[in-house]
Amino acid sequence: MTDTTYGPKVYTADGGDRQVIASGGSLDIETGGMVTVDGSQLAALTAQLTTLTPADAEGTPDYAIAAITNSTPFGFASAQEGITVLYVIANLQTRLAEVEARLASLGLTA
């Protein structure tokens, strides 16, 4: 609950047991600073595997993936469905790498 009787947007509340950043306030971690838990920074995340680069970009993506075929070999109903899955995985790899980089830049992970 916001304490409207207190002027600063960043303050210690509850007798010193809680740090508050009110609306309009911010926490600024300077270069080289980090966030720690019991004096230790969180460990680095597991290294990312090589990013997928689909070689075949033909056709329109087919995001309505049909059931995997049950004949030998198992597979997608069309090449476009397989390519779509590869592009979605590659996009997830890119986005997760961005999240990892931001966490590290904020000092939240090693």
N, C-alpha and C. Protein backbone atom coordinates (compact mmCIF):
# COMPACT_ATOMS: atom_id res chain seq x y z
N MET A 1 0.84 -1.19 0.00
CA MET A 1 0.00 0.00 0.00
C MET A 1 0.88 1.24 0.00
N THR A 2 0.59 2.18 -0.85
CA THR A 2 1.38 3.40 -0.98
C THR A 2 1.15 4.31 0.22
N ASP A 3 2.24 4.81 0.78
CA ASP A 3 2.17 5.75 1.90
C ASP A 3 2.22 7.16 1.32
N THR A 4 1.06 7.81 1.16
CA THR A 4 0.98 9.13 0.53
C THR A 4 1.46 10.25 1.45
N THR A 5 1.73 9.94 2.72
CA THR A 5 2.20 10.98 3.65
C THR A 5 3.71 11.13 3.61
N TYR A 6 4.39 10.28 2.88
CA TYR A 6 5.85 10.31 2.82
C TYR A 6 6.28 10.85 1.48
N GLY A 7 7.22 11.80 1.44
CA GLY A 7 7.60 12.50 0.21
C GLY A 7 8.48 11.74 -0.77
N PRO A 8 9.60 11.14 -0.33
CA PRO A 8 10.49 10.48 -1.29
C PRO A 8 9.82 9.29 -1.98
N LYS A 9 10.26 9.03 -3.19
CA LYS A 9 9.70 7.90 -3.94
C LYS A 9 10.43 6.60 -3.65
N VAL A 10 11.60 6.70 -3.01
CA VAL A 10 12.35 5.52 -2.56
C VAL A 10 12.64 5.73 -1.08
N TYR A 11 12.17 4.81 -0.24
CA TYR A 11 12.35 4.99 1.19
C TYR A 11 12.31 3.65 1.92
N THR A 12 12.77 3.67 3.15
CA THR A 12 12.72 2.50 4.01
C THR A 12 11.47 2.61 4.87
N ALA A 13 10.71 1.54 4.90
CA ALA A 13 9.45 1.53 5.65
C ALA A 13 9.48 0.42 6.69
N ASP A 14 8.42 0.31 7.46
CA ASP A 14 8.23 -0.75 8.44
C ASP A 14 9.41 -0.84 9.41
N GLY A 15 9.87 0.29 9.88
CA GLY A 15 10.95 0.29 10.85
C GLY A 15 12.27 -0.20 10.30
N GLY A 16 12.45 -0.08 9.00
CA GLY A 16 13.71 -0.48 8.38
C GLY A 16 13.69 -1.88 7.80
N ASP A 17 12.56 -2.58 7.85
CA ASP A 17 12.48 -3.96 7.36
C ASP A 17 12.05 -4.07 5.90
N ARG A 18 11.73 -2.95 5.28
CA ARG A 18 11.24 -3.02 3.89
C ARG A 18 11.68 -1.78 3.14
N GLN A 19 12.24 -1.98 1.95
CA GLN A 19 12.63 -0.87 1.08
C GLN A 19 11.50 -0.68 0.06
N VAL A 20 11.02 0.54 -0.11
CA VAL A 20 9.90 0.81 -1.01
C VAL A 20 10.37 1.68 -2.17
N ILE A 21 9.98 1.30 -3.37
CA ILE A 21 10.18 2.13 -4.56
C ILE A 21 8.77 2.46 -5.04
N ALA A 22 8.33 3.67 -4.76
CA ALA A 22 6.98 4.09 -5.09
C ALA A 22 6.87 4.43 -6.58
N SER A 23 5.67 4.63 -7.03
CA SER A 23 5.41 5.02 -8.41
C SER A 23 6.23 6.25 -8.76
N GLY A 24 7.00 6.16 -9.84
CA GLY A 24 7.86 7.26 -10.25
C GLY A 24 9.27 7.16 -9.71
N GLY A 25 9.51 6.28 -8.74
CA GLY A 25 10.85 6.06 -8.20
C GLY A 25 11.57 5.01 -9.03
N SER A 26 12.85 4.82 -8.78
CA SER A 26 13.59 3.81 -9.53
C SER A 26 14.76 3.28 -8.71
N LEU A 27 15.24 2.13 -9.10
CA LEU A 27 16.43 1.53 -8.53
C LEU A 27 17.49 1.57 -9.62
N ASP A 28 18.60 2.22 -9.36
CA ASP A 28 19.65 2.38 -10.36
C ASP A 28 20.89 1.62 -9.91
N ILE A 29 21.23 0.57 -10.65
CA ILE A 29 22.44 -0.18 -10.35
C ILE A 29 23.51 0.32 -11.30
N GLU A 30 24.54 0.93 -10.76
CA GLU A 30 25.60 1.49 -11.59
C GLU A 30 26.48 0.38 -12.17
N THR A 31 27.23 0.71 -13.21
CA THR A 31 28.13 -0.23 -13.85
C THR A 31 29.02 -0.88 -12.81
N GLY A 32 29.10 -2.21 -12.86
CA GLY A 32 29.89 -2.95 -11.89
C GLY A 32 29.11 -3.36 -10.66
N GLY A 33 27.94 -2.76 -10.46
CA GLY A 33 27.11 -3.13 -9.32
C GLY A 33 26.38 -4.43 -9.60
N MET A 34 25.87 -5.08 -8.56
CA MET A 34 25.15 -6.33 -8.76
C MET A 34 24.15 -6.52 -7.64
N VAL A 35 23.21 -7.40 -7.89
CA VAL A 35 22.24 -7.80 -6.88
C VAL A 35 22.72 -9.15 -6.34
N THR A 36 22.74 -9.29 -5.03
CA THR A 36 23.21 -10.54 -4.43
C THR A 36 22.17 -11.11 -3.49
N VAL A 37 22.29 -12.40 -3.24
CA VAL A 37 21.47 -13.09 -2.25
C VAL A 37 22.44 -13.68 -1.25
N ASP A 38 22.33 -13.28 0.00
CA ASP A 38 23.28 -13.70 1.04
C ASP A 38 24.71 -13.44 0.62
N GLY A 39 24.97 -12.34 -0.09
CA GLY A 39 26.31 -11.95 -0.48
C GLY A 39 26.82 -12.58 -1.76
N SER A 40 26.02 -13.45 -2.38
CA SER A 40 26.47 -14.12 -3.61
C SER A 40 25.56 -13.77 -4.77
N GLN A 41 26.19 -13.55 -5.91
CA GLN A 41 25.44 -13.31 -7.14
C GLN A 41 24.90 -14.63 -7.66
N LEU A 42 23.74 -14.62 -8.28
CA LEU A 42 23.19 -15.84 -8.86
C LEU A 42 24.13 -16.38 -9.92
N ALA A 43 24.19 -17.68 -10.05
CA ALA A 43 25.08 -18.33 -11.01
C ALA A 43 24.65 -18.01 -12.44
N ALA A 44 25.61 -18.09 -13.34
CA ALA A 44 25.31 -17.90 -14.75
C ALA A 44 24.37 -19.01 -15.23
N LEU A 45 23.57 -18.71 -16.22
CA LEU A 45 22.66 -19.71 -16.78
C LEU A 45 23.43 -20.70 -17.64
N THR A 46 22.81 -21.83 -17.91
CA THR A 46 23.42 -22.85 -18.76
C THR A 46 23.70 -22.26 -20.13
N ALA A 47 24.84 -22.58 -20.71
CA ALA A 47 25.22 -22.05 -22.02
C ALA A 47 24.20 -22.47 -23.08
N GLN A 48 23.92 -21.55 -23.98
CA GLN A 48 22.97 -21.81 -25.06
C GLN A 48 23.62 -22.67 -26.13
N LEU A 49 22.85 -23.59 -26.70
CA LEU A 49 23.33 -24.36 -27.84
C LEU A 49 23.38 -23.46 -29.06
N THR A 50 23.98 -23.93 -30.13
CA THR A 50 24.04 -23.18 -31.38
C THR A 50 22.62 -22.82 -31.83
N THR A 51 22.42 -21.60 -32.27
CA THR A 51 21.11 -21.16 -32.73
C THR A 51 20.77 -21.83 -34.05
N LEU A 52 19.52 -22.26 -34.15
CA LEU A 52 19.06 -22.88 -35.39
C LEU A 52 19.01 -21.86 -36.51
N THR A 53 19.40 -22.27 -37.69
CA THR A 53 19.26 -21.44 -38.88
C THR A 53 18.63 -22.32 -39.96
N PRO A 54 17.31 -22.26 -40.11
CA PRO A 54 16.66 -23.08 -41.13
C PRO A 54 17.19 -22.74 -42.52
N ALA A 55 17.59 -23.77 -43.26
CA ALA A 55 18.16 -23.55 -44.59
C ALA A 55 17.08 -23.37 -45.64
N ASP A 56 15.89 -23.87 -45.37
CA ASP A 56 14.81 -23.83 -46.36
C ASP A 56 13.75 -22.86 -45.89
N ALA A 57 13.65 -21.73 -46.55
CA ALA A 57 12.68 -20.71 -46.15
C ALA A 57 11.52 -20.61 -47.14
N GLU A 58 11.28 -21.68 -47.87
CA GLU A 58 10.22 -21.64 -48.87
C GLU A 58 8.84 -21.66 -48.22
N GLY A 59 7.91 -21.05 -48.90
CA GLY A 59 6.51 -21.14 -48.49
C GLY A 59 6.14 -20.20 -47.37
N THR A 60 4.86 -20.22 -47.07
CA THR A 60 4.30 -19.41 -46.01
C THR A 60 4.29 -20.22 -44.72
N PRO A 61 4.65 -19.63 -43.60
CA PRO A 61 4.60 -20.39 -42.35
C PRO A 61 3.22 -20.97 -42.11
N ASP A 62 3.16 -22.16 -41.57
CA ASP A 62 1.91 -22.85 -41.29
C ASP A 62 1.83 -23.08 -39.79
N TYR A 63 1.24 -22.11 -39.07
CA TYR A 63 1.22 -22.18 -37.61
C TYR A 63 0.17 -23.13 -37.08
N ALA A 64 -0.67 -23.66 -37.95
CA ALA A 64 -1.65 -24.67 -37.54
C ALA A 64 -1.02 -26.04 -37.78
N ILE A 65 -0.19 -26.47 -36.86
CA ILE A 65 0.55 -27.71 -37.01
C ILE A 65 -0.40 -28.90 -36.84
N ALA A 66 -0.42 -29.74 -37.85
CA ALA A 66 -1.25 -30.95 -37.79
C ALA A 66 -0.56 -31.99 -36.91
N ALA A 67 -1.29 -33.05 -36.61
CA ALA A 67 -0.70 -34.14 -35.82
C ALA A 67 0.51 -34.70 -36.57
N ILE A 68 1.52 -35.09 -35.82
CA ILE A 68 2.70 -35.70 -36.42
C ILE A 68 2.27 -36.97 -37.14
N THR A 69 2.80 -37.19 -38.34
CA THR A 69 2.44 -38.40 -39.08
C THR A 69 2.94 -39.62 -38.33
N ASN A 70 2.20 -40.71 -38.45
CA ASN A 70 2.58 -41.90 -37.70
C ASN A 70 3.14 -43.00 -38.60
N SER A 71 3.58 -42.63 -39.78
CA SER A 71 4.22 -43.61 -40.64
C SER A 71 5.73 -43.46 -40.51
N THR A 72 6.47 -44.43 -40.97
CA THR A 72 7.92 -44.38 -40.87
C THR A 72 8.47 -43.66 -42.09
N PRO A 73 9.27 -42.61 -41.98
CA PRO A 73 9.64 -41.98 -40.70
C PRO A 73 8.54 -41.03 -40.24
N PHE A 74 8.52 -40.78 -38.94
CA PHE A 74 7.55 -39.84 -38.39
C PHE A 74 7.90 -38.43 -38.88
N GLY A 75 6.91 -37.58 -39.03
CA GLY A 75 7.21 -36.25 -39.52
C GLY A 75 6.01 -35.32 -39.52
N PHE A 76 6.21 -34.16 -40.11
CA PHE A 76 5.14 -33.17 -40.23
C PHE A 76 4.32 -33.44 -41.47
N ALA A 77 3.10 -32.89 -41.48
CA ALA A 77 2.22 -33.09 -42.63
C ALA A 77 2.74 -32.37 -43.86
N SER A 78 3.52 -31.30 -43.67
CA SER A 78 4.08 -30.57 -44.81
C SER A 78 5.44 -30.00 -44.40
N ALA A 79 6.24 -29.68 -45.39
CA ALA A 79 7.54 -29.07 -45.12
C ALA A 79 7.36 -27.72 -44.44
N GLN A 80 6.31 -26.96 -44.81
CA GLN A 80 6.07 -25.65 -44.21
C GLN A 80 5.85 -25.76 -42.70
N GLU A 81 5.18 -26.84 -42.27
CA GLU A 81 4.96 -27.01 -40.83
C GLU A 81 6.29 -27.24 -40.12
N GLY A 82 7.15 -28.05 -40.69
CA GLY A 82 8.46 -28.30 -40.10
C GLY A 82 9.30 -27.04 -40.06
N ILE A 83 9.29 -26.28 -41.15
CA ILE A 83 10.03 -25.02 -41.22
C ILE A 83 9.50 -24.03 -40.18
N THR A 84 8.19 -23.99 -40.02
CA THR A 84 7.58 -23.09 -39.04
C THR A 84 8.08 -23.41 -37.63
N VAL A 85 8.12 -24.69 -37.29
CA VAL A 85 8.60 -25.09 -35.96
C VAL A 85 10.05 -24.66 -35.78
N LEU A 86 10.88 -24.82 -36.81
CA LEU A 86 12.28 -24.40 -36.70
C LEU A 86 12.38 -22.89 -36.48
N TYR A 87 11.57 -22.11 -37.19
CA TYR A 87 11.61 -20.66 -37.02
C TYR A 87 11.12 -20.24 -35.63
N VAL A 88 10.12 -20.93 -35.11
CA VAL A 88 9.63 -20.61 -33.77
C VAL A 88 10.72 -20.93 -32.74
N ILE A 89 11.39 -22.06 -32.88
CA ILE A 89 12.47 -22.43 -31.96
C ILE A 89 13.61 -21.41 -32.06
N ALA A 90 13.98 -21.02 -33.27
CA ALA A 90 15.05 -20.03 -33.45
C ALA A 90 14.67 -18.70 -32.80
N ASN A 91 13.39 -18.31 -32.92
CA ASN A 91 12.92 -17.07 -32.30
C ASN A 91 13.00 -17.17 -30.78
N LEU A 92 12.63 -18.31 -30.23
CA LEU A 92 12.73 -18.51 -28.79
C LEU A 92 14.18 -18.45 -28.32
N GLN A 93 15.09 -19.01 -29.10
CA GLN A 93 16.51 -18.95 -28.74
C GLN A 93 16.98 -17.50 -28.70
N THR A 94 16.60 -16.72 -29.70
CA THR A 94 17.00 -15.31 -29.76
C THR A 94 16.44 -14.54 -28.57
N ARG A 95 15.16 -14.74 -28.29
CA ARG A 95 14.53 -14.01 -27.19
C ARG A 95 15.11 -14.39 -25.84
N LEU A 96 15.39 -15.68 -25.62
CA LEU A 96 15.98 -16.10 -24.36
C LEU A 96 17.39 -15.55 -24.21
N ALA A 97 18.15 -15.50 -25.28
CA ALA A 97 19.49 -14.91 -25.23
C ALA A 97 19.41 -13.43 -24.84
N GLU A 98 18.39 -12.72 -25.34
CA GLU A 98 18.20 -11.33 -24.97
C GLU A 98 17.87 -11.19 -23.49
N VAL A 99 17.03 -12.08 -22.96
CA VAL A 99 16.68 -12.05 -21.54
C VAL A 99 17.93 -12.32 -20.70
N GLU A 100 18.72 -13.32 -21.10
CA GLU A 100 19.96 -13.64 -20.38
C GLU A 100 20.91 -12.45 -20.36
N ALA A 101 21.06 -11.79 -21.49
CA ALA A 101 21.95 -10.63 -21.58
C ALA A 101 21.46 -9.50 -20.68
N ARG A 102 20.17 -9.29 -20.64
CA ARG A 102 19.64 -8.21 -19.79
C ARG A 102 19.80 -8.54 -18.31
N LEU A 103 19.57 -9.80 -17.93
CA LEU A 103 19.77 -10.19 -16.54
C LEU A 103 21.22 -9.98 -16.12
N ALA A 104 22.14 -10.36 -16.99
CA ALA A 104 23.57 -10.18 -16.68
C ALA A 104 23.93 -8.70 -16.63
N SER A 105 23.38 -7.89 -17.54
CA SER A 105 23.71 -6.46 -17.55
C SER A 105 23.19 -5.75 -16.32
N LEU A 106 22.13 -6.29 -15.71
CA LEU A 106 21.59 -5.70 -14.48
C LEU A 106 22.28 -6.23 -13.24
N GLY A 107 23.22 -7.17 -13.44
CA GLY A 107 23.91 -7.74 -12.29
C GLY A 107 23.10 -8.80 -11.57
N LEU A 108 22.03 -9.29 -12.20
CA LEU A 108 21.20 -10.29 -11.56
C LEU A 108 21.75 -11.70 -11.70
N THR A 109 22.56 -11.94 -12.73
CA THR A 109 23.23 -13.23 -12.91
C THR A 109 24.67 -12.96 -13.32
N ALA A 110 25.50 -13.97 -13.13
CA ALA A 110 26.91 -13.84 -13.49
C ALA A 110 27.05 -13.88 -15.01
